[in-house]
Amino acid sequence: DTDRALVLLEEYCKKLRKPEEQQLKKAIRKVMGIFKSSLFQALLGSFKKKATRHGTTSHTSSPAVLACDVLGCPKG
């Protein structure tokens, strides 16, 4: 799901070309860097293991879903 979120964020960044959009583009790139970091991946893995143990796995909180919520991606 993190990979999907990164793809969506990258696609969105490509559309940000106006000067007034550059601050948003910079912020999105920071988020992408966080998603790619080993610390984030380790925390995400730990969260998934804990959620699985407790039977509370949910796709609604995945990075890709969150990115779609922010970017307004089409459902499907």
PDB file of N, CA and C in Angstrom:
ATOM      1  N   ASP A   1       0.809  -1.195   0.000  1.00  0.00           N
ATOM      2  CA  ASP A   1       0.000   0.000   0.000  1.00  0.00           C
ATOM      3  C   ASP A   1       0.856   1.264   0.000  1.00  0.00           C
ATOM      4  N   THR A   2       1.998   1.205   0.659  1.00  0.00           N
ATOM      5  CA  THR A   2       2.885   2.368   0.673  1.00  0.00           C
ATOM      6  C   THR A   2       3.391   2.653  -0.731  1.00  0.00           C
ATOM      7  N   ASP A   3       3.711   1.603  -1.469  1.00  0.00           N
ATOM      8  CA  ASP A   3       4.171   1.782  -2.846  1.00  0.00           C
ATOM      9  C   ASP A   3       3.088   2.449  -3.697  1.00  0.00           C
ATOM     10  N   ARG A   4       1.856   2.030  -3.514  1.00  0.00           N
ATOM     11  CA  ARG A   4       0.735   2.632  -4.255  1.00  0.00           C
ATOM     12  C   ARG A   4       0.585   4.108  -3.886  1.00  0.00           C
ATOM     13  N   ALA A   5       0.721   4.426  -2.605  1.00  0.00           N
ATOM     14  CA  ALA A   5       0.635   5.817  -2.158  1.00  0.00           C
ATOM     15  C   ALA A   5       1.739   6.651  -2.796  1.00  0.00           C
ATOM     16  N   LEU A   6       2.934   6.085  -2.867  1.00  0.00           N
ATOM     17  CA  LEU A   6       4.052   6.805  -3.484  1.00  0.00           C
ATOM     18  C   LEU A   6       3.797   7.070  -4.964  1.00  0.00           C
ATOM     19  N   VAL A   7       3.244   6.096  -5.654  1.00  0.00           N
ATOM     20  CA  VAL A   7       2.913   6.271  -7.071  1.00  0.00           C
ATOM     21  C   VAL A   7       1.885   7.389  -7.237  1.00  0.00           C
ATOM     22  N   LEU A   8       0.850   7.377  -6.408  1.00  0.00           N
ATOM     23  CA  LEU A   8      -0.196   8.400  -6.480  1.00  0.00           C
ATOM     24  C   LEU A   8       0.363   9.795  -6.180  1.00  0.00           C
ATOM     25  N   LEU A   9       1.206   9.871  -5.167  1.00  0.00           N
ATOM     26  CA  LEU A   9       1.806  11.154  -4.823  1.00  0.00           C
ATOM     27  C   LEU A   9       2.717  11.661  -5.936  1.00  0.00           C
ATOM     28  N   GLU A  10       3.481  10.766  -6.537  1.00  0.00           N
ATOM     29  CA  GLU A  10       4.367  11.149  -7.643  1.00  0.00           C
ATOM     30  C   GLU A  10       3.552  11.666  -8.832  1.00  0.00           C
ATOM     31  N   GLU A  11       2.474  10.970  -9.152  1.00  0.00           N
ATOM     32  CA  GLU A  11       1.601  11.407 -10.255  1.00  0.00           C
ATOM     33  C   GLU A  11       1.028  12.787  -9.969  1.00  0.00           C
ATOM     34  N   TYR A  12       0.607  13.004  -8.733  1.00  0.00           N
ATOM     35  CA  TYR A  12       0.041  14.298  -8.360  1.00  0.00           C
ATOM     36  C   TYR A  12       1.103  15.394  -8.456  1.00  0.00           C
ATOM     37  N   CYS A  13       2.320  15.101  -8.000  1.00  0.00           N
ATOM     38  CA  CYS A  13       3.410  16.084  -8.053  1.00  0.00           C
ATOM     39  C   CYS A  13       3.708  16.524  -9.480  1.00  0.00           C
ATOM     40  N   LYS A  14       3.602  15.606 -10.415  1.00  0.00           N
ATOM     41  CA  LYS A  14       3.870  15.931 -11.817  1.00  0.00           C
ATOM     42  C   LYS A  14       2.888  16.968 -12.349  1.00  0.00           C
ATOM     43  N   LYS A  15       1.698  17.031 -11.740  1.00  0.00           N
ATOM     44  CA  LYS A  15       0.676  17.982 -12.179  1.00  0.00           C
ATOM     45  C   LYS A  15       0.865  19.370 -11.570  1.00  0.00           C
ATOM     46  N   LEU A  16       1.707  19.466 -10.572  1.00  0.00           N
ATOM     47  CA  LEU A  16       1.930  20.741  -9.888  1.00  0.00           C
ATOM     48  C   LEU A  16       3.041  21.505 -10.595  1.00  0.00           C
ATOM     49  N   ARG A  17       2.658  22.437 -11.429  1.00  0.00           N
ATOM     50  CA  ARG A  17       3.647  23.166 -12.229  1.00  0.00           C
ATOM     51  C   ARG A  17       3.627  24.673 -11.999  1.00  0.00           C
ATOM     52  N   LYS A  18       2.513  25.185 -11.499  1.00  0.00           N
ATOM     53  CA  LYS A  18       2.394  26.630 -11.276  1.00  0.00           C
ATOM     54  C   LYS A  18       3.283  27.055 -10.112  1.00  0.00           C
ATOM     55  N   PRO A  19       3.794  28.287 -10.187  1.00  0.00           N
ATOM     56  CA  PRO A  19       4.661  28.767  -9.095  1.00  0.00           C
ATOM     57  C   PRO A  19       3.994  28.685  -7.717  1.00  0.00           C
ATOM     58  N   GLU A  20       2.702  28.977  -7.647  1.00  0.00           N
ATOM     59  CA  GLU A  20       2.016  28.948  -6.357  1.00  0.00           C
ATOM     60  C   GLU A  20       1.804  27.524  -5.826  1.00  0.00           C
ATOM     61  N   GLU A  21       2.054  26.521  -6.654  1.00  0.00           N
ATOM     62  CA  GLU A  21       1.900  25.122  -6.242  1.00  0.00           C
ATOM     63  C   GLU A  21       3.208  24.493  -5.769  1.00  0.00           C
ATOM     64  N   GLN A  22       4.289  25.230  -5.868  1.00  0.00           N
ATOM     65  CA  GLN A  22       5.597  24.652  -5.555  1.00  0.00           C
ATOM     66  C   GLN A  22       5.780  24.344  -4.071  1.00  0.00           C
ATOM     67  N   GLN A  23       5.145  25.133  -3.207  1.00  0.00           N
ATOM     68  CA  GLN A  23       5.232  24.854  -1.775  1.00  0.00           C
ATOM     69  C   GLN A  23       4.523  23.538  -1.455  1.00  0.00           C
ATOM     70  N   LEU A  24       3.368  23.314  -2.069  1.00  0.00           N
ATOM     71  CA  LEU A  24       2.646  22.056  -1.895  1.00  0.00           C
ATOM     72  C   LEU A  24       3.479  20.896  -2.432  1.00  0.00           C
ATOM     73  N   LYS A  25       4.088  21.091  -3.592  1.00  0.00           N
ATOM     74  CA  LYS A  25       4.922  20.053  -4.195  1.00  0.00           C
ATOM     75  C   LYS A  25       6.082  19.689  -3.272  1.00  0.00           C
ATOM     76  N   LYS A  26       6.681  20.686  -2.657  1.00  0.00           N
ATOM     77  CA  LYS A  26       7.793  20.454  -1.728  1.00  0.00           C
ATOM     78  C   LYS A  26       7.315  19.654  -0.515  1.00  0.00           C
ATOM     79  N   ALA A  27       6.141  19.996  -0.005  1.00  0.00           N
ATOM     80  CA  ALA A  27       5.589  19.279   1.150  1.00  0.00           C
ATOM     81  C   ALA A  27       5.269  17.829   0.795  1.00  0.00           C
ATOM     82  N   ILE A  28       4.729  17.608  -0.380  1.00  0.00           N
ATOM     83  CA  ILE A  28       4.412  16.246  -0.821  1.00  0.00           C
ATOM     84  C   ILE A  28       5.686  15.433  -0.981  1.00  0.00           C
ATOM     85  N   ARG A  29       6.720  16.054  -1.495  1.00  0.00           N
ATOM     86  CA  ARG A  29       8.005  15.355  -1.648  1.00  0.00           C
ATOM     87  C   ARG A  29       8.565  14.957  -0.272  1.00  0.00           C
ATOM     88  N   LYS A  30       8.351  15.796   0.747  1.00  0.00           N
ATOM     89  CA  LYS A  30       8.780  15.452   2.100  1.00  0.00           C
ATOM     90  C   LYS A  30       8.028  14.221   2.593  1.00  0.00           C
ATOM     91  N   VAL A  31       6.725  14.201   2.357  1.00  0.00           N
ATOM     92  CA  VAL A  31       5.912  13.050   2.759  1.00  0.00           C
ATOM     93  C   VAL A  31       6.404  11.798   2.046  1.00  0.00           C
ATOM     94  N   MET A  32       6.718  11.931   0.770  1.00  0.00           N
ATOM     95  CA  MET A  32       7.223  10.790   0.007  1.00  0.00           C
ATOM     96  C   MET A  32       8.531  10.282   0.612  1.00  0.00           C
ATOM     97  N   GLY A  33       9.380  11.210   1.022  1.00  0.00           N
ATOM     98  CA  GLY A  33      10.643  10.823   1.657  1.00  0.00           C
ATOM     99  C   GLY A  33      10.406  10.063   2.951  1.00  0.00           C
ATOM    100  N   ILE A  34       9.404  10.500   3.705  1.00  0.00           N
ATOM    101  CA  ILE A  34       9.056   9.809   4.950  1.00  0.00           C
ATOM    102  C   ILE A  34       8.552   8.402   4.642  1.00  0.00           C
ATOM    103  N   PHE A  35       7.668   8.276   3.649  1.00  0.00           N
ATOM    104  CA  PHE A  35       7.141   6.964   3.273  1.00  0.00           C
ATOM    105  C   PHE A  35       8.259   6.019   2.854  1.00  0.00           C
ATOM    106  N   LYS A  36       9.302   6.548   2.245  1.00  0.00           N
ATOM    107  CA  LYS A  36      10.413   5.726   1.760  1.00  0.00           C
ATOM    108  C   LYS A  36      11.420   5.394   2.857  1.00  0.00           C
ATOM    109  N   SER A  37      11.354   6.107   3.977  1.00  0.00           N
ATOM    110  CA  SER A  37      12.367   5.929   5.022  1.00  0.00           C
ATOM    111  C   SER A  37      12.264   4.563   5.687  1.00  0.00           C
ATOM    112  N   SER A  38      13.395   4.068   6.118  1.00  0.00           N
ATOM    113  CA  SER A  38      13.425   2.770   6.792  1.00  0.00           C
ATOM    114  C   SER A  38      12.699   2.841   8.136  1.00  0.00           C
ATOM    115  N   LEU A  39      12.731   3.983   8.810  1.00  0.00           N
ATOM    116  CA  LEU A  39      12.025   4.123  10.077  1.00  0.00           C
ATOM    117  C   LEU A  39      10.520   3.981   9.862  1.00  0.00           C
ATOM    118  N   PHE A  40       9.977   4.671   8.855  1.00  0.00           N
ATOM    119  CA  PHE A  40       8.538   4.570   8.573  1.00  0.00           C
ATOM    120  C   PHE A  40       8.166   3.138   8.220  1.00  0.00           C
ATOM    121  N   GLN A  41       8.964   2.500   7.397  1.00  0.00           N
ATOM    122  CA  GLN A  41       8.676   1.121   6.996  1.00  0.00           C
ATOM    123  C   GLN A  41       8.700   0.188   8.207  1.00  0.00           C
ATOM    124  N   ALA A  42       9.646   0.400   9.118  1.00  0.00           N
ATOM    125  CA  ALA A  42       9.720  -0.428  10.322  1.00  0.00           C
ATOM    126  C   ALA A  42       8.501  -0.197  11.211  1.00  0.00           C
ATOM    127  N   LEU A  43       8.110   1.062  11.382  1.00  0.00           N
ATOM    128  CA  LEU A  43       6.930   1.368  12.195  1.00  0.00           C
ATOM    129  C   LEU A  43       5.666   0.800  11.569  1.00  0.00           C
ATOM    130  N   LEU A  44       5.558   0.908  10.264  1.00  0.00           N
ATOM    131  CA  LEU A  44       4.402   0.369   9.562  1.00  0.00           C
ATOM    132  C   LEU A  44       4.345  -1.149   9.722  1.00  0.00           C
ATOM    133  N   GLY A  45       5.480  -1.807   9.598  1.00  0.00           N
ATOM    134  CA  GLY A  45       5.535  -3.255   9.783  1.00  0.00           C
ATOM    135  C   GLY A  45       5.143  -3.651  11.195  1.00  0.00           C
ATOM    136  N   SER A  46       5.599  -2.895  12.174  1.00  0.00           N
ATOM    137  CA  SER A  46       5.255  -3.161  13.564  1.00  0.00           C
ATOM    138  C   SER A  46       3.760  -2.963  13.795  1.00  0.00           C
ATOM    139  N   PHE A  47       3.204  -1.911  13.223  1.00  0.00           N
ATOM    140  CA  PHE A  47       1.773  -1.640  13.354  1.00  0.00           C
ATOM    141  C   PHE A  47       0.954  -2.764  12.727  1.00  0.00           C
ATOM    142  N   LYS A  48       1.368  -3.207  11.548  1.00  0.00           N
ATOM    143  CA  LYS A  48       0.627  -4.276  10.866  1.00  0.00           C
ATOM    144  C   LYS A  48       0.657  -5.564  11.676  1.00  0.00           C
ATOM    145  N   LYS A  49       1.825  -5.889  12.267  1.00  0.00           N
ATOM    146  CA  LYS A  49       1.932  -7.103  13.084  1.00  0.00           C
ATOM    147  C   LYS A  49       1.014  -7.014  14.301  1.00  0.00           C
ATOM    148  N   LYS A  50       1.018  -5.853  14.955  1.00  0.00           N
ATOM    149  CA  LYS A  50       0.187  -5.669  16.136  1.00  0.00           C
ATOM    150  C   LYS A  50      -1.291  -5.729  15.764  1.00  0.00           C
ATOM    151  N   ALA A  51      -1.678  -5.092  14.668  1.00  0.00           N
ATOM    152  CA  ALA A  51      -3.073  -5.099  14.242  1.00  0.00           C
ATOM    153  C   ALA A  51      -3.528  -6.506  13.881  1.00  0.00           C
ATOM    154  N   THR A  52      -2.657  -7.278  13.256  1.00  0.00           N
ATOM    155  CA  THR A  52      -2.987  -8.650  12.882  1.00  0.00           C
ATOM    156  C   THR A  52      -3.182  -9.516  14.128  1.00  0.00           C
ATOM    157  N   ARG A  53      -2.317  -9.328  15.123  1.00  0.00           N
ATOM    158  CA  ARG A  53      -2.445 -10.073  16.377  1.00  0.00           C
ATOM    159  C   ARG A  53      -3.767  -9.773  17.075  1.00  0.00           C
ATOM    160  N   HIS A  54      -4.207  -8.539  16.981  1.00  0.00           N
ATOM    161  CA  HIS A  54      -5.438  -8.138  17.654  1.00  0.00           C
ATOM    162  C   HIS A  54      -6.663  -8.273  16.756  1.00  0.00           C
ATOM    163  N   GLY A  55      -6.461  -8.732  15.534  1.00  0.00           N
ATOM    164  CA  GLY A  55      -7.575  -8.922  14.613  1.00  0.00           C
ATOM    165  C   GLY A  55      -8.222  -7.624  14.168  1.00  0.00           C
ATOM    166  N   THR A  56      -7.419  -6.555  14.085  1.00  0.00           N
ATOM    167  CA  THR A  56      -7.977  -5.252  13.724  1.00  0.00           C
ATOM    168  C   THR A  56      -7.392  -4.718  12.429  1.00  0.00           C
ATOM    169  N   THR A  57      -7.029  -5.584  11.514  1.00  0.00           N
ATOM    170  CA  THR A  57      -6.482  -5.103  10.249  1.00  0.00           C
ATOM    171  C   THR A  57      -7.567  -4.377   9.477  1.00  0.00           C
ATOM    172  N   SER A  58      -7.176  -3.290   8.871  1.00  0.00           N
ATOM    173  CA  SER A  58      -8.136  -2.470   8.123  1.00  0.00           C
ATOM    174  C   SER A  58      -7.427  -1.800   6.973  1.00  0.00           C
ATOM    175  N   HIS A  59      -8.031  -1.844   5.822  1.00  0.00           N
ATOM    176  CA  HIS A  59      -7.438  -1.198   4.647  1.00  0.00           C
ATOM    177  C   HIS A  59      -7.750   0.284   4.606  1.00  0.00           C
ATOM    178  N   THR A  60      -8.686   0.746   5.424  1.00  0.00           N
ATOM    179  CA  THR A  60      -9.071   2.149   5.372  1.00  0.00           C
ATOM    180  C   THR A  60      -8.000   3.083   5.900  1.00  0.00           C
ATOM    181  N   SER A  61      -7.013   2.562   6.612  1.00  0.00           N
ATOM    182  CA  SER A  61      -5.956   3.426   7.124  1.00  0.00           C
ATOM    183  C   SER A  61      -4.639   3.228   6.374  1.00  0.00           C
ATOM    184  N   SER A  62      -4.662   2.532   5.252  1.00  0.00           N
ATOM    185  CA  SER A  62      -3.433   2.298   4.507  1.00  0.00           C
ATOM    186  C   SER A  62      -2.936   3.589   3.872  1.00  0.00           C
ATOM    187  N   PRO A  63      -1.615   3.708   3.653  1.00  0.00           N
ATOM    188  CA  PRO A  63      -1.071   4.911   3.038  1.00  0.00           C
ATOM    189  C   PRO A  63      -1.707   5.242   1.686  1.00  0.00           C
ATOM    190  N   ALA A  64      -1.992   4.235   0.874  1.00  0.00           N
ATOM    191  CA  ALA A  64      -2.597   4.503  -0.439  1.00  0.00           C
ATOM    192  C   ALA A  64      -3.985   5.094  -0.287  1.00  0.00           C
ATOM    193  N   VAL A  65      -4.772   4.571   0.645  1.00  0.00           N
ATOM    194  CA  VAL A  65      -6.120   5.101   0.861  1.00  0.00           C
ATOM    195  C   VAL A  65      -6.047   6.527   1.383  1.00  0.00           C
ATOM    196  N   LEU A  66      -5.128   6.776   2.307  1.00  0.00           N
ATOM    197  CA  LEU A  66      -4.970   8.116   2.838  1.00  0.00           C
ATOM    198  C   LEU A  66      -4.540   9.097   1.734  1.00  0.00           C
ATOM    199  N   ALA A  67      -3.639   8.671   0.870  1.00  0.00           N
ATOM    200  CA  ALA A  67      -3.203   9.528  -0.232  1.00  0.00           C
ATOM    201  C   ALA A  67      -4.372   9.832  -1.156  1.00  0.00           C
ATOM    202  N   CYS A  68      -5.178   8.832  -1.430  1.00  0.00           N
ATOM    203  CA  CYS A  68      -6.356   9.039  -2.291  1.00  0.00           C
ATOM    204  C   CYS A  68      -7.347   9.992  -1.646  1.00  0.00           C
ATOM    205  N   ASP A  69      -7.525   9.885  -0.349  1.00  0.00           N
ATOM    206  CA  ASP A  69      -8.430  10.792   0.347  1.00  0.00           C
ATOM    207  C   ASP A  69      -7.948  12.233   0.197  1.00  0.00           C
ATOM    208  N   VAL A  70      -6.657  12.437   0.344  1.00  0.00           N
ATOM    209  CA  VAL A  70      -6.083  13.775   0.239  1.00  0.00           C
ATOM    210  C   VAL A  70      -6.130  14.291  -1.194  1.00  0.00           C
ATOM    211  N   LEU A  71      -5.814  13.420  -2.148  1.00  0.00           N
ATOM    212  CA  LEU A  71      -5.689  13.843  -3.548  1.00  0.00           C
ATOM    213  C   LEU A  71      -6.989  13.763  -4.326  1.00  0.00           C
ATOM    214  N   GLY A  72      -7.994  13.143  -3.768  1.00  0.00           N
ATOM    215  CA  GLY A  72      -9.270  13.016  -4.460  1.00  0.00           C
ATOM    216  C   GLY A  72      -9.214  12.030  -5.605  1.00  0.00           C
ATOM    217  N   CYS A  73      -8.564  10.900  -5.397  1.00  0.00           N
ATOM    218  CA  CYS A  73      -8.452   9.873  -6.449  1.00  0.00           C
ATOM    219  C   CYS A  73      -9.805   9.248  -6.713  1.00  0.00           C
ATOM    220  N   PRO A  74     -10.028   8.802  -7.939  1.00  0.00           N
ATOM    221  CA  PRO A  74     -11.287   8.107  -8.240  1.00  0.00           C
ATOM    222  C   PRO A  74     -11.346   6.780  -7.512  1.00  0.00           C
ATOM    223  N   LYS A  75     -12.518   6.420  -7.063  1.00  0.00           N
ATOM    224  CA  LYS A  75     -12.723   5.132  -6.383  1.00  0.00           C
ATOM    225  C   LYS A  75     -12.813   4.028  -7.421  1.00  0.00           C
ATOM    226  N   GLY A  76     -12.330   2.856  -7.050  1.00  0.00           N
ATOM    227  CA  GLY A  76     -12.472   1.744  -7.988  1.00  0.00           C
ATOM    228  C   GLY A  76     -11.385   0.846  -7.961  1.00  0.00           C
TER     229      GLY A  76
END
